C-alpha atoms as a PDB file:
ATOM      1  CA  MET A   1     -18.036  17.021  11.759  1.00  0.00           C
ATOM      2  CA  PRO A   2     -18.007  13.261  10.002  1.00  0.00           C
ATOM      3  CA  LEU A   3     -15.955  10.829  11.644  1.00  0.00           C
ATOM      4  CA  ARG A   4     -13.535  10.542   8.870  1.00  0.00           C
ATOM      5  CA  GLU A   5     -12.387  14.067   9.495  1.00  0.00           C
ATOM      6  CA  LYS A   6     -12.041  13.398  13.229  1.00  0.00           C
ATOM      7  CA  ASP A   7      -9.842  10.116  12.583  1.00  0.00           C
ATOM      8  CA  ARG A   8     -12.362   8.150  14.442  1.00  0.00           C
ATOM      9  CA  LEU A   9     -13.711   5.968  12.005  1.00  0.00           C
ATOM     10  CA  GLU A  10     -12.772   2.088  11.825  1.00  0.00           C
ATOM     11  CA  ILE A  11     -13.462  -0.502   9.175  1.00  0.00           C
ATOM     12  CA  ARG A  12     -13.631  -4.221   9.677  1.00  0.00           C
ATOM     13  CA  LEU A  13     -11.133  -5.963   7.700  1.00  0.00           C
ATOM     14  CA  PRO A  14     -11.746  -9.345   6.132  1.00  0.00           C
ATOM     15  CA  SER A  15      -9.811 -11.202   8.841  1.00  0.00           C
ATOM     16  CA  GLY A  16     -12.275  -9.655  11.477  1.00  0.00           C
ATOM     17  CA  ILE A  17      -9.987  -7.099  12.950  1.00  0.00           C
ATOM     18  CA  TRP A  18     -11.279  -3.537  13.320  1.00  0.00           C
ATOM     19  CA  LYS A  19      -8.894  -1.032  11.964  1.00  0.00           C
ATOM     20  CA  ASN A  20      -8.750   2.773  11.547  1.00  0.00           C
ATOM     21  CA  TYR A  21     -10.123   3.309   7.766  1.00  0.00           C
ATOM     22  CA  LYS A  22      -6.513   5.165   7.063  1.00  0.00           C
ATOM     23  CA  LYS A  23      -4.537   1.939   7.685  1.00  0.00           C
ATOM     24  CA  ALA A  24      -6.967  -0.108   5.530  1.00  0.00           C
ATOM     25  CA  ASP A  25      -6.191  -0.907   2.011  1.00  0.00           C
ATOM     26  CA  PRO A  26      -7.874   2.697   0.273  1.00  0.00           C
ATOM     27  CA  GLU A  27      -9.425   0.322  -2.403  1.00  0.00           C
ATOM     28  CA  TYR A  28     -11.000  -1.935   0.029  1.00  0.00           C
ATOM     29  CA  VAL A  29     -12.439   1.204   1.825  1.00  0.00           C
ATOM     30  CA  GLU A  30     -13.678   2.650  -1.461  1.00  0.00           C
ATOM     31  CA  GLN A  31     -15.315  -0.773  -2.351  1.00  0.00           C
ATOM     32  CA  MET A  32     -17.064  -1.221   0.566  1.00  0.00           C
ATOM     33  CA  LEU A  33     -18.699   2.180   0.309  1.00  0.00           C
ATOM     34  CA  GLU A  34     -19.654   1.731  -3.255  1.00  0.00           C
ATOM     35  CA  ASP A  35     -21.224  -1.411  -2.535  1.00  0.00           C
ATOM     36  CA  GLU A  36     -22.842   0.254   0.733  1.00  0.00           C
ATOM     37  CA  GLN A  37     -21.521  -2.088   2.951  1.00  0.00           C
ATOM     38  CA  LEU A  38     -21.948   0.074   5.976  1.00  0.00           C
ATOM     39  CA  HIS A  39     -22.203  -2.283   8.632  1.00  0.00           C
ATOM     40  CA  LEU A  40     -18.252  -2.891   8.297  1.00  0.00           C
ATOM     41  CA  PHE A  41     -17.820   0.786   9.450  1.00  0.00           C
ATOM     42  CA  ARG A  42     -18.149   2.065  13.191  1.00  0.00           C
ATOM     43  CA  LYS A  43     -17.132   4.962  15.227  1.00  0.00           C
ATOM     44  CA  ALA A  44     -13.774   4.155  16.795  1.00  0.00           C
ATOM     45  CA  LYS A  45     -13.627   3.302  20.704  1.00  0.00           C
ATOM     46  CA  LYS A  46     -11.610   5.277  22.889  1.00  0.00           C
ATOM     47  CA  SER A  47      -8.429   3.826  23.879  1.00  0.00           C
ATOM     48  CA  LYS A  48      -8.165   2.247  27.152  1.00  0.00           C
ATOM     49  CA  LYS A  49      -4.610   1.641  27.300  1.00  0.00           C
ATOM     50  CA  LYS A  50      -2.770   3.243  30.096  1.00  0.00           C
ATOM     51  CA  SER A  51       0.789   4.573  29.848  1.00  0.00           C
ATOM     52  CA  ILE A  52       3.388   2.653  31.417  1.00  0.00           C
ATOM     53  CA  LYS A  53       4.043   5.281  34.072  1.00  0.00           C
ATOM     54  CA  ASN A  54       0.530   4.781  35.155  1.00  0.00           C
ATOM     55  CA  LYS A  55       0.924   1.075  35.252  1.00  0.00           C
ATOM     56  CA  LYS A  56       3.962   1.378  37.235  1.00  0.00           C
ATOM     57  CA  GLU A  57       2.653   3.774  39.709  1.00  0.00           C
ATOM     58  CA  GLU A  58      -0.490   1.710  40.404  1.00  0.00           C
ATOM     59  CA  SER A  59       1.572  -1.548  40.932  1.00  0.00           C
ATOM     60  CA  LYS A  60       3.678   0.684  43.368  1.00  0.00           C
ATOM     61  CA  LYS A  61       0.448   1.584  45.308  1.00  0.00           C
ATOM     62  CA  LYS A  62      -0.677  -2.053  45.393  1.00  0.00           C
ATOM     63  CA  ASN A  63       2.618  -3.322  46.674  1.00  0.00           C
ATOM     64  CA  SER A  64       2.844  -0.467  49.433  1.00  0.00           C
ATOM     65  CA  LYS A  65      -0.871  -1.436  50.475  1.00  0.00           C
ATOM     66  CA  LYS A  66       0.049  -5.305  50.570  1.00  0.00           C
ATOM     67  CA  LYS A  67       3.301  -4.566  52.930  1.00  0.00           C
ATOM     68  CA  LYS A  68       1.052  -2.503  55.346  1.00  0.00           C
ATOM     69  CA  LYS A  69      -1.484  -5.413  55.613  1.00  0.00           C
ATOM     70  CA  ASP A  70       1.552  -7.797  56.205  1.00  0.00           C
ATOM     71  CA  LYS A  71       3.039  -5.498  58.960  1.00  0.00           C
ATOM     72  CA  ASN A  72      -0.306  -5.117  60.354  1.00  0.00           C
ATOM     73  CA  LYS A  73      -0.990  -8.980  60.829  1.00  0.00           C
ATOM     74  CA  LYS A  74       2.384  -9.352  62.577  1.00  0.00           C
END
């Protein structure tokens, strides 16, 4: 299945930012395809963003480890 159908295709905008092709100007996307500027397209990378909930849980774990170390030092 093509990357377009999987919604995993990114295009490099003139500003240098990689964006989902659906968010880019459709005329720009079509022009780049017609001009065979295929080096401006890539498969989207998986997002490494963690949810806020996961970040809070990780920070709690780190803080509890620090407290245990402080207690052991005393």
